């Protein structure tokens, strides 16, 4: 496999040169980091797939970059791995948050999402949202570095970080936690894939922290020096988002609905600045 251009630069002496579209065209591929979270980016029978992967193959293909290759790592290691040159971009539907924007560049929003809870069958603690978790003293699992960990810390919820979604689901099945918090799309995909598992998924909800609804949106992540690459990506992304049917054709096979298409007025600039976003 070809060595990612970013890694070659790092080995050559930690050069600050940015990674360009031309570099990747010459290389013929881009290597993305992913955390194995379905339906965004994961491996199926050894093949990299998912909604964000489909989006990436479409966009990078239009930029003349033929192959999208993957390196799997824990969610909390994605941005550090990107900045260390292990891969050229992050494909994980990662939440666009102010602290992350200080560490890396985000594309414009690609997908909206809300949180849900995976709970034991029958939902014995009657859990429904983050406030119900805090009020009940429930123990939860959440992906290391994911927004649900931040929500839990803000509300004083006992949270156990896990390295990948399967660990979170298993923690619920084995009784180590009372719930696993993740995006509703991901949890439903997991539950549908294991119909015999003694779990269920709550209705999705918008987390409320300090009386502010946390409207989440994710994007592709690039290194701070790779602004030209990010801008070229955004240009193609804008064309796809402007055509609802085209966006849906890429995402719907992975269980993503038109309800998850970000509205045109939702921007990465606002999300990076921490401007409160509502669903009104």
C-alpha atoms as a PDB file:
ATOM      1  CA  UNK A   1       0.000   0.000   0.000  1.00  0.00           C
ATOM      2  CA  UNK A   2       1.273   3.483  -0.814  1.00  0.00           C
ATOM      3  CA  UNK A   3       2.560   5.446   2.172  1.00  0.00           C
ATOM      4  CA  UNK A   4       0.189   8.377   2.919  1.00  0.00           C
ATOM      5  CA  UNK A   5       1.687  11.659   1.800  1.00  0.00           C
ATOM      6  CA  UNK A   6       1.192  13.076   5.288  1.00  0.00           C
ATOM      7  CA  UNK A   7       3.229  10.262   6.819  1.00  0.00           C
ATOM      8  CA  UNK A   8       5.963  10.710   4.254  1.00  0.00           C
ATOM      9  CA  UNK A   9       6.239  14.356   5.207  1.00  0.00           C
ATOM     10  CA  UNK A  10       6.448  13.482   8.881  1.00  0.00           C
ATOM     11  CA  UNK A  11       9.180  10.920   8.354  1.00  0.00           C
ATOM     12  CA  UNK A  12      11.094  13.326   6.134  1.00  0.00           C
ATOM     13  CA  UNK A  13      11.577  15.679   9.017  1.00  0.00           C
ATOM     14  CA  UNK A  14       8.261  16.945  10.366  1.00  0.00           C
ATOM     15  CA  UNK A  15       7.836  19.371   7.490  1.00  0.00           C
ATOM     16  CA  UNK A  16       5.022  21.896   7.883  1.00  0.00           C
ATOM     17  CA  UNK A  17       4.206  21.645   4.171  1.00  0.00           C
ATOM     18  CA  UNK A  18       0.496  21.197   3.648  1.00  0.00           C
ATOM     19  CA  UNK A  19      -1.064  18.225   1.906  1.00  0.00           C
ATOM     20  CA  UNK A  20      -2.699  19.278  -1.352  1.00  0.00           C
ATOM     21  CA  UNK A  21      -5.179  17.770  -3.782  1.00  0.00           C
ATOM     22  CA  UNK A  22      -2.324  17.464  -6.294  1.00  0.00           C
ATOM     23  CA  UNK A  23      -0.289  15.436  -3.773  1.00  0.00           C
ATOM     24  CA  UNK A  24      -3.162  13.002  -3.344  1.00  0.00           C
ATOM     25  CA  UNK A  25      -3.874  12.804  -7.070  1.00  0.00           C
ATOM     26  CA  UNK A  26      -0.257  11.876  -7.678  1.00  0.00           C
ATOM     27  CA  UNK A  27      -0.446   9.346  -4.886  1.00  0.00           C
ATOM     28  CA  UNK A  28      -3.726   7.977  -6.259  1.00  0.00           C
ATOM     29  CA  UNK A  29      -5.318   7.480  -2.855  1.00  0.00           C
ATOM     30  CA  UNK A  30      -6.236   9.092   0.446  1.00  0.00           C
ATOM     31  CA  UNK A  31      -5.980   7.306   3.767  1.00  0.00           C
ATOM     32  CA  UNK A  32      -8.694   8.101   6.308  1.00  0.00           C
ATOM     33  CA  UNK A  33      -8.862   7.307   9.988  1.00  0.00           C
ATOM     34  CA  UNK A  34     -12.075   5.698  11.214  1.00  0.00           C
ATOM     35  CA  UNK A  35     -13.374   4.327  14.507  1.00  0.00           C
ATOM     36  CA  UNK A  36     -15.496   1.435  13.282  1.00  0.00           C
ATOM     37  CA  UNK A  37     -18.801   3.125  14.093  1.00  0.00           C
ATOM     38  CA  UNK A  38     -21.610   1.958  11.829  1.00  0.00           C
ATOM     39  CA  UNK A  39     -23.218   3.346   9.793  1.00  0.00           C
ATOM     40  CA  UNK A  40     -20.698   6.172   9.371  1.00  0.00           C
ATOM     41  CA  UNK A  41     -17.424   4.346   8.694  1.00  0.00           C
ATOM     42  CA  UNK A  42     -16.667   0.717   9.492  1.00  0.00           C
ATOM     43  CA  UNK A  43     -15.421  -2.525   7.993  1.00  0.00           C
ATOM     44  CA  UNK A  44     -17.772  -5.163   6.596  1.00  0.00           C
ATOM     45  CA  UNK A  45     -16.002  -8.419   5.727  1.00  0.00           C
ATOM     46  CA  UNK A  46     -12.732  -6.484   5.619  1.00  0.00           C
ATOM     47  CA  UNK A  47     -14.107  -3.810   3.270  1.00  0.00           C
ATOM     48  CA  UNK A  48     -14.227  -0.142   4.331  1.00  0.00           C
ATOM     49  CA  UNK A  49     -17.809   1.086   4.032  1.00  0.00           C
ATOM     50  CA  UNK A  50     -20.401   3.406   5.585  1.00  0.00           C
ATOM     51  CA  UNK A  51     -22.259   6.617   4.864  1.00  0.00           C
ATOM     52  CA  UNK A  52     -19.301   8.956   5.309  1.00  0.00           C
ATOM     53  CA  UNK A  53     -17.109   6.585   3.321  1.00  0.00           C
ATOM     54  CA  UNK A  54     -19.631   6.656   0.454  1.00  0.00           C
ATOM     55  CA  UNK A  55     -19.578  10.448   0.610  1.00  0.00           C
ATOM     56  CA  UNK A  56     -15.780  10.442   0.594  1.00  0.00           C
ATOM     57  CA  UNK A  57     -15.502   8.101  -2.359  1.00  0.00           C
ATOM     58  CA  UNK A  58     -17.842  10.384  -4.294  1.00  0.00           C
ATOM     59  CA  UNK A  59     -16.061  13.623  -3.391  1.00  0.00           C
ATOM     60  CA  UNK A  60     -12.463  12.459  -3.559  1.00  0.00           C
ATOM     61  CA  UNK A  61     -13.252  10.608  -6.779  1.00  0.00           C
ATOM     62  CA  UNK A  62     -14.452  13.880  -8.301  1.00  0.00           C
ATOM     63  CA  UNK A  63     -11.191  15.472  -7.137  1.00  0.00           C
ATOM     64  CA  UNK A  64      -9.252  12.818  -9.062  1.00  0.00           C
ATOM     65  CA  UNK A  65      -8.302  10.730  -6.029  1.00  0.00           C
ATOM     66  CA  UNK A  66      -9.331   7.212  -6.948  1.00  0.00           C
ATOM     67  CA  UNK A  67      -8.995   5.175  -3.752  1.00  0.00           C
ATOM     68  CA  UNK A  68     -10.108   5.722  -0.153  1.00  0.00           C
ATOM     69  CA  UNK A  69      -8.158   3.516   2.250  1.00  0.00           C
ATOM     70  CA  UNK A  70      -8.707   3.223   5.992  1.00  0.00           C
ATOM     71  CA  UNK A  71      -6.839   2.964   9.283  1.00  0.00           C
ATOM     72  CA  UNK A  72      -8.987   1.968  12.258  1.00  0.00           C
ATOM     73  CA  UNK A  73      -8.324   3.437  15.691  1.00  0.00           C
ATOM     74  CA  UNK A  74     -10.267   4.360  18.818  1.00  0.00           C
ATOM     75  CA  UNK A  75     -12.486   7.420  18.467  1.00  0.00           C
ATOM     76  CA  UNK A  76     -10.435   9.422  20.980  1.00  0.00           C
ATOM     77  CA  UNK A  77      -7.268   8.744  18.971  1.00  0.00           C
ATOM     78  CA  UNK A  78      -8.586  10.037  15.637  1.00  0.00           C
ATOM     79  CA  UNK A  79      -7.453  13.665  15.837  1.00  0.00           C
ATOM     80  CA  UNK A  80      -4.122  12.788  17.524  1.00  0.00           C
ATOM     81  CA  UNK A  81      -3.533  10.154  14.835  1.00  0.00           C
ATOM     82  CA  UNK A  82      -4.374  12.645  12.103  1.00  0.00           C
ATOM     83  CA  UNK A  83      -1.937  15.212  13.468  1.00  0.00           C
ATOM     84  CA  UNK A  84       0.737  12.533  13.882  1.00  0.00           C
ATOM     85  CA  UNK A  85       0.466  11.692  10.166  1.00  0.00           C
ATOM     86  CA  UNK A  86      -1.069   8.225  10.533  1.00  0.00           C
ATOM     87  CA  UNK A  87      -3.716   9.188   7.984  1.00  0.00           C
ATOM     88  CA  UNK A  88      -4.684  12.133   5.778  1.00  0.00           C
ATOM     89  CA  UNK A  89      -8.210  12.860   7.038  1.00  0.00           C
ATOM     90  CA  UNK A  90     -10.762  11.530   9.515  1.00  0.00           C
ATOM     91  CA  UNK A  91     -13.895   9.745   8.330  1.00  0.00           C
ATOM     92  CA  UNK A  92     -16.086   9.303  11.405  1.00  0.00           C
ATOM     93  CA  UNK A  93     -19.021  11.712  11.313  1.00  0.00           C
ATOM     94  CA  UNK A  94     -17.175  13.552  14.078  1.00  0.00           C
ATOM     95  CA  UNK A  95     -19.048  16.253  15.992  1.00  0.00           C
ATOM     96  CA  UNK A  96     -17.913  19.776  15.159  1.00  0.00           C
ATOM     97  CA  UNK A  97     -17.024  21.247  18.563  1.00  0.00           C
ATOM     98  CA  UNK A  98     -15.022  24.350  19.587  1.00  0.00           C
ATOM     99  CA  UNK A  99     -12.237  22.428  21.350  1.00  0.00           C
ATOM    100  CA  UNK A 100     -11.805  20.113  18.375  1.00  0.00           C
ATOM    101  CA  UNK A 101     -11.714  23.086  15.995  1.00  0.00           C
ATOM    102  CA  UNK A 102      -8.612  24.285  17.841  1.00  0.00           C
ATOM    103  CA  UNK A 103      -6.864  21.018  16.976  1.00  0.00           C
ATOM    104  CA  UNK A 104      -7.954  20.421  13.377  1.00  0.00           C
ATOM    105  CA  UNK A 105      -9.983  21.744  10.432  1.00  0.00           C
ATOM    106  CA  UNK A 106     -13.535  20.539   9.840  1.00  0.00           C
ATOM    107  CA  UNK A 107     -15.462  20.426   6.606  1.00  0.00           C
ATOM    108  CA  UNK A 108     -18.878  22.042   6.475  1.00  0.00           C
ATOM    109  CA  UNK A 109     -21.519  19.893   8.228  1.00  0.00           C
ATOM    110  CA  UNK A 110     -22.223  16.635   6.396  1.00  0.00           C
ATOM    111  CA  UNK A 111     -24.743  14.976   8.682  1.00  0.00           C
ATOM    112  CA  UNK A 112     -27.013  15.933  11.561  1.00  0.00           C
ATOM    113  CA  UNK A 113     -27.639  13.586  14.428  1.00  0.00           C
ATOM    114  CA  UNK A 114     -29.324  13.231  17.768  1.00  0.00           C
ATOM    115  CA  UNK A 115     -28.453  11.015  20.716  1.00  0.00           C
ATOM    116  CA  UNK A 116     -30.230   7.845  21.850  1.00  0.00           C
ATOM    117  CA  UNK A 117     -29.664   5.241  24.556  1.00  0.00           C
ATOM    118  CA  UNK A 118     -29.197   1.498  24.188  1.00  0.00           C
ATOM    119  CA  UNK A 119     -30.676  -0.087  27.304  1.00  0.00           C
ATOM    120  CA  UNK A 120     -31.517  -3.598  28.537  1.00  0.00           C
ATOM    121  CA  UNK A 121     -34.648  -5.092  27.026  1.00  0.00           C
ATOM    122  CA  UNK A 122     -37.710  -3.621  28.708  1.00  0.00           C
ATOM    123  CA  UNK A 123     -35.817  -0.461  29.720  1.00  0.00           C
ATOM    124  CA  UNK A 124     -36.033  -1.319  33.459  1.00  0.00           C
ATOM    125  CA  UNK A 125     -34.837   2.131  34.601  1.00  0.00           C
ATOM    126  CA  UNK A 126     -37.209   3.938  32.218  1.00  0.00           C
ATOM    127  CA  UNK A 127     -34.359   5.959  30.716  1.00  0.00           C
ATOM    128  CA  UNK A 128     -35.187   8.446  27.980  1.00  0.00           C
ATOM    129  CA  UNK A 129     -32.599  11.250  27.813  1.00  0.00           C
ATOM    130  CA  UNK A 130     -29.514  12.688  29.515  1.00  0.00           C
ATOM    131  CA  UNK A 131     -31.571  14.228  32.325  1.00  0.00           C
ATOM    132  CA  UNK A 132     -33.158  10.850  33.122  1.00  0.00           C
ATOM    133  CA  UNK A 133     -29.666   9.372  33.375  1.00  0.00           C
ATOM    134  CA  UNK A 134     -28.581  12.095  35.808  1.00  0.00           C
ATOM    135  CA  UNK A 135     -31.751  11.864  37.905  1.00  0.00           C
ATOM    136  CA  UNK A 136     -31.638   8.060  38.192  1.00  0.00           C
ATOM    137  CA  UNK A 137     -27.928   7.727  38.981  1.00  0.00           C
ATOM    138  CA  UNK A 138     -27.547   5.400  36.011  1.00  0.00           C
ATOM    139  CA  UNK A 139     -24.144   4.185  34.832  1.00  0.00           C
ATOM    140  CA  UNK A 140     -23.499   4.618  31.142  1.00  0.00           C
ATOM    141  CA  UNK A 141     -20.927   3.794  28.495  1.00  0.00           C
ATOM    142  CA  UNK A 142     -19.895   6.215  25.753  1.00  0.00           C
ATOM    143  CA  UNK A 143     -17.171   6.238  23.112  1.00  0.00           C
ATOM    144  CA  UNK A 144     -13.842   7.623  24.286  1.00  0.00           C
ATOM    145  CA  UNK A 145     -13.610  11.254  23.173  1.00  0.00           C
ATOM    146  CA  UNK A 146     -17.213  11.368  21.934  1.00  0.00           C
ATOM    147  CA  UNK A 147     -19.661  14.189  22.676  1.00  0.00           C
ATOM    148  CA  UNK A 148     -21.730  11.908  24.927  1.00  0.00           C
ATOM    149  CA  UNK A 149     -18.798  11.792  27.369  1.00  0.00           C
ATOM    150  CA  UNK A 150     -18.883  15.594  27.528  1.00  0.00           C
ATOM    151  CA  UNK A 151     -22.640  15.577  28.080  1.00  0.00           C
ATOM    152  CA  UNK A 152     -22.219  13.072  30.916  1.00  0.00           C
ATOM    153  CA  UNK A 153     -19.430  15.012  32.585  1.00  0.00           C
ATOM    154  CA  UNK A 154     -21.486  18.212  32.438  1.00  0.00           C
ATOM    155  CA  UNK A 155     -24.428  16.496  34.159  1.00  0.00           C
ATOM    156  CA  UNK A 156     -22.430  14.468  36.703  1.00  0.00           C
ATOM    157  CA  UNK A 157     -23.341  11.128  35.135  1.00  0.00           C
ATOM    158  CA  UNK A 158     -21.161   8.096  35.874  1.00  0.00           C
ATOM    159  CA  UNK A 159     -19.663   7.387  32.433  1.00  0.00           C
ATOM    160  CA  UNK A 160     -17.348   4.575  31.346  1.00  0.00           C
ATOM    161  CA  UNK A 161     -15.460   5.392  28.121  1.00  0.00           C
ATOM    162  CA  UNK A 162     -15.216   2.477  25.670  1.00  0.00           C
ATOM    163  CA  UNK A 163     -12.964   2.057  22.667  1.00  0.00           C
ATOM    164  CA  UNK A 164     -15.576   1.031  20.098  1.00  0.00           C
ATOM    165  CA  UNK A 165     -19.363   0.641  19.777  1.00  0.00           C
ATOM    166  CA  UNK A 166     -19.345  -3.133  20.195  1.00  0.00           C
ATOM    167  CA  UNK A 167     -17.735  -2.694  23.634  1.00  0.00           C
ATOM    168  CA  UNK A 168     -20.535  -0.304  24.581  1.00  0.00           C
ATOM    169  CA  UNK A 169     -23.241  -2.719  23.471  1.00  0.00           C
ATOM    170  CA  UNK A 170     -21.574  -5.604  25.291  1.00  0.00           C
ATOM    171  CA  UNK A 171     -21.340  -3.507  28.461  1.00  0.00           C
ATOM    172  CA  UNK A 172     -25.134  -3.147  28.420  1.00  0.00           C
ATOM    173  CA  UNK A 173     -25.710  -6.835  27.667  1.00  0.00           C
ATOM    174  CA  UNK A 174     -23.335  -7.911  30.463  1.00  0.00           C
ATOM    175  CA  UNK A 175     -24.854  -5.495  32.991  1.00  0.00           C
ATOM    176  CA  UNK A 176     -21.699  -3.450  33.499  1.00  0.00           C
ATOM    177  CA  UNK A 177     -23.626  -0.282  32.644  1.00  0.00           C
ATOM    178  CA  UNK A 178     -27.278   0.699  32.513  1.00  0.00           C
ATOM    179  CA  UNK A 179     -27.126   2.343  29.086  1.00  0.00           C
ATOM    180  CA  UNK A 180     -24.880   3.068  26.126  1.00  0.00           C
ATOM    181  CA  UNK A 181     -25.196   6.615  24.738  1.00  0.00           C
ATOM    182  CA  UNK A 182     -24.468   7.202  21.052  1.00  0.00           C
ATOM    183  CA  UNK A 183     -26.180   8.618  17.983  1.00  0.00           C
ATOM    184  CA  UNK A 184     -29.580   7.112  17.363  1.00  0.00           C
ATOM    185  CA  UNK A 185     -28.657   6.128  13.809  1.00  0.00           C
ATOM    186  CA  UNK A 186     -25.676   4.105  15.045  1.00  0.00           C
ATOM    187  CA  UNK A 187     -27.504   2.387  17.900  1.00  0.00           C
ATOM    188  CA  UNK A 188     -30.433   1.346  15.717  1.00  0.00           C
ATOM    189  CA  UNK A 189     -28.017   0.009  13.107  1.00  0.00           C
ATOM    190  CA  UNK A 190     -26.282  -2.076  15.783  1.00  0.00           C
ATOM    191  CA  UNK A 191     -29.549  -3.365  17.277  1.00  0.00           C
ATOM    192  CA  UNK A 192     -30.881  -4.336  13.853  1.00  0.00           C
ATOM    193  CA  UNK A 193     -27.643  -6.203  13.174  1.00  0.00           C
ATOM    194  CA  UNK A 194     -28.029  -8.276  16.356  1.00  0.00           C
ATOM    195  CA  UNK A 195     -31.800  -8.866  16.645  1.00  0.00           C
ATOM    196  CA  UNK A 196     -31.385 -11.563  19.294  1.00  0.00           C
ATOM    197  CA  UNK A 197     -29.454  -9.293  21.682  1.00  0.00           C
ATOM    198  CA  UNK A 198     -31.477  -8.482  24.853  1.00  0.00           C
ATOM    199  CA  UNK A 199     -31.355  -4.718  24.275  1.00  0.00           C
ATOM    200  CA  UNK A 200     -33.540  -1.961  22.888  1.00  0.00           C
ATOM    201  CA  UNK A 201     -32.933   1.593  21.712  1.00  0.00           C
ATOM    202  CA  UNK A 202     -34.811   4.599  23.065  1.00  0.00           C
ATOM    203  CA  UNK A 203     -36.288   7.319  20.899  1.00  0.00           C
ATOM    204  CA  UNK A 204     -33.658   9.795  19.755  1.00  0.00           C
ATOM    205  CA  UNK A 205     -33.471  13.078  21.628  1.00  0.00           C
ATOM    206  CA  UNK A 206     -31.654  16.399  21.595  1.00  0.00           C
ATOM    207  CA  UNK A 207     -29.441  16.645  24.673  1.00  0.00           C
ATOM    208  CA  UNK A 208     -29.971  19.786  26.758  1.00  0.00           C
ATOM    209  CA  UNK A 209     -26.976  21.133  28.671  1.00  0.00           C
ATOM    210  CA  UNK A 210     -27.329  24.307  30.779  1.00  0.00           C
ATOM    211  CA  UNK A 211     -30.755  24.849  29.181  1.00  0.00           C
ATOM    212  CA  UNK A 212     -29.197  24.889  25.688  1.00  0.00           C
ATOM    213  CA  UNK A 213     -30.276  22.243  23.128  1.00  0.00           C
ATOM    214  CA  UNK A 214     -27.182  20.547  21.715  1.00  0.00           C
ATOM    215  CA  UNK A 215     -27.925  20.278  18.006  1.00  0.00           C
ATOM    216  CA  UNK A 216     -25.131  18.066  16.693  1.00  0.00           C
ATOM    217  CA  UNK A 217     -23.542  17.943  13.269  1.00  0.00           C
ATOM    218  CA  UNK A 218     -20.511  16.070  12.009  1.00  0.00           C
ATOM    219  CA  UNK A 219     -17.935  16.621   9.318  1.00  0.00           C
ATOM    220  CA  UNK A 220     -14.707  15.355   7.820  1.00  0.00           C
ATOM    221  CA  UNK A 221     -11.554  16.369   9.665  1.00  0.00           C
ATOM    222  CA  UNK A 222      -8.283  17.661   8.166  1.00  0.00           C
ATOM    223  CA  UNK A 223      -5.026  18.921   9.664  1.00  0.00           C
ATOM    224  CA  UNK A 224      -4.770  22.649  10.390  1.00  0.00           C
ATOM    225  CA  UNK A 225      -2.207  23.107   7.591  1.00  0.00           C
ATOM    226  CA  UNK A 226      -4.425  21.430   4.983  1.00  0.00           C
ATOM    227  CA  UNK A 227      -6.790  24.317   4.334  1.00  0.00           C
ATOM    228  CA  UNK A 228      -6.524  24.019   0.543  1.00  0.00           C
ATOM    229  CA  UNK A 229      -7.546  20.351   0.703  1.00  0.00           C
ATOM    230  CA  UNK A 230     -10.431  21.135   3.066  1.00  0.00           C
ATOM    231  CA  UNK A 231     -11.653  23.941   0.802  1.00  0.00           C
ATOM    232  CA  UNK A 232     -11.581  21.720  -2.285  1.00  0.00           C
ATOM    233  CA  UNK A 233     -13.534  19.096  -0.353  1.00  0.00           C
ATOM    234  CA  UNK A 234     -16.094  21.682   0.796  1.00  0.00           C
ATOM    235  CA  UNK A 235     -16.697  22.840  -2.767  1.00  0.00           C
ATOM    236  CA  UNK A 236     -17.725  19.336  -3.868  1.00  0.00           C
ATOM    237  CA  UNK A 237     -19.653  18.743  -0.635  1.00  0.00           C
ATOM    238  CA  UNK A 238     -21.719  21.882  -1.242  1.00  0.00           C
ATOM    239  CA  UNK A 239     -22.761  20.561  -4.670  1.00  0.00           C
ATOM    240  CA  UNK A 240     -23.952  17.296  -3.138  1.00  0.00           C
ATOM    241  CA  UNK A 241     -25.833  18.948  -0.253  1.00  0.00           C
ATOM    242  CA  UNK A 242     -27.582  21.281  -2.698  1.00  0.00           C
ATOM    243  CA  UNK A 243     -29.064  18.210  -4.412  1.00  0.00           C
ATOM    244  CA  UNK A 244     -31.081  16.437  -1.702  1.00  0.00           C
ATOM    245  CA  UNK A 245     -31.667  13.365  -3.845  1.00  0.00           C
ATOM    246  CA  UNK A 246     -27.969  12.945  -4.561  1.00  0.00           C
ATOM    247  CA  UNK A 247     -27.075  13.227  -0.849  1.00  0.00           C
ATOM    248  CA  UNK A 248     -29.815  10.744   0.003  1.00  0.00           C
ATOM    249  CA  UNK A 249     -28.680   8.223  -2.625  1.00  0.00           C
ATOM    250  CA  UNK A 250     -25.269   8.135  -0.943  1.00  0.00           C
ATOM    251  CA  UNK A 251     -26.489   8.015   2.661  1.00  0.00           C
ATOM    252  CA  UNK A 252     -29.836   6.202   2.648  1.00  0.00           C
ATOM    253  CA  UNK A 253     -28.370   2.710   2.032  1.00  0.00           C
ATOM    254  CA  UNK A 254     -26.772   3.056   5.498  1.00  0.00           C
ATOM    255  CA  UNK A 255     -30.003   3.915   7.322  1.00  0.00           C
ATOM    256  CA  UNK A 256     -29.570   7.687   7.198  1.00  0.00           C
ATOM    257  CA  UNK A 257     -32.705   9.656   6.324  1.00  0.00           C
ATOM    258  CA  UNK A 258     -33.301  13.066   4.804  1.00  0.00           C
ATOM    259  CA  UNK A 259     -33.912  14.300   8.378  1.00  0.00           C
ATOM    260  CA  UNK A 260     -30.143  14.068   8.919  1.00  0.00           C
ATOM    261  CA  UNK A 261     -29.276  16.431   6.020  1.00  0.00           C
ATOM    262  CA  UNK A 262     -27.842  19.636   7.563  1.00  0.00           C
ATOM    263  CA  UNK A 263     -29.753  22.807   6.657  1.00  0.00           C
ATOM    264  CA  UNK A 264     -27.906  25.342   4.464  1.00  0.00           C
ATOM    265  CA  UNK A 265     -27.670  27.902   7.270  1.00  0.00           C
ATOM    266  CA  UNK A 266     -25.841  25.545   9.655  1.00  0.00           C
ATOM    267  CA  UNK A 267     -22.130  26.335   9.308  1.00  0.00           C
ATOM    268  CA  UNK A 268     -18.907  24.978  10.692  1.00  0.00           C
ATOM    269  CA  UNK A 269     -17.874  28.533  11.601  1.00  0.00           C
ATOM    270  CA  UNK A 270     -20.835  28.864  13.963  1.00  0.00           C
ATOM    271  CA  UNK A 271     -20.328  25.407  15.463  1.00  0.00           C
ATOM    272  CA  UNK A 272     -16.611  26.059  16.003  1.00  0.00           C
ATOM    273  CA  UNK A 273     -17.424  29.331  17.769  1.00  0.00           C
ATOM    274  CA  UNK A 274     -19.859  27.538  20.038  1.00  0.00           C
ATOM    275  CA  UNK A 275     -22.823  29.600  18.881  1.00  0.00           C
ATOM    276  CA  UNK A 276     -25.972  27.989  20.321  1.00  0.00           C
ATOM    277  CA  UNK A 277     -27.925  26.209  17.601  1.00  0.00           C
ATOM    278  CA  UNK A 278     -31.589  25.325  18.008  1.00  0.00           C
ATOM    279  CA  UNK A 279     -33.910  23.115  16.044  1.00  0.00           C
ATOM    280  CA  UNK A 280     -36.565  25.847  15.791  1.00  0.00           C
END
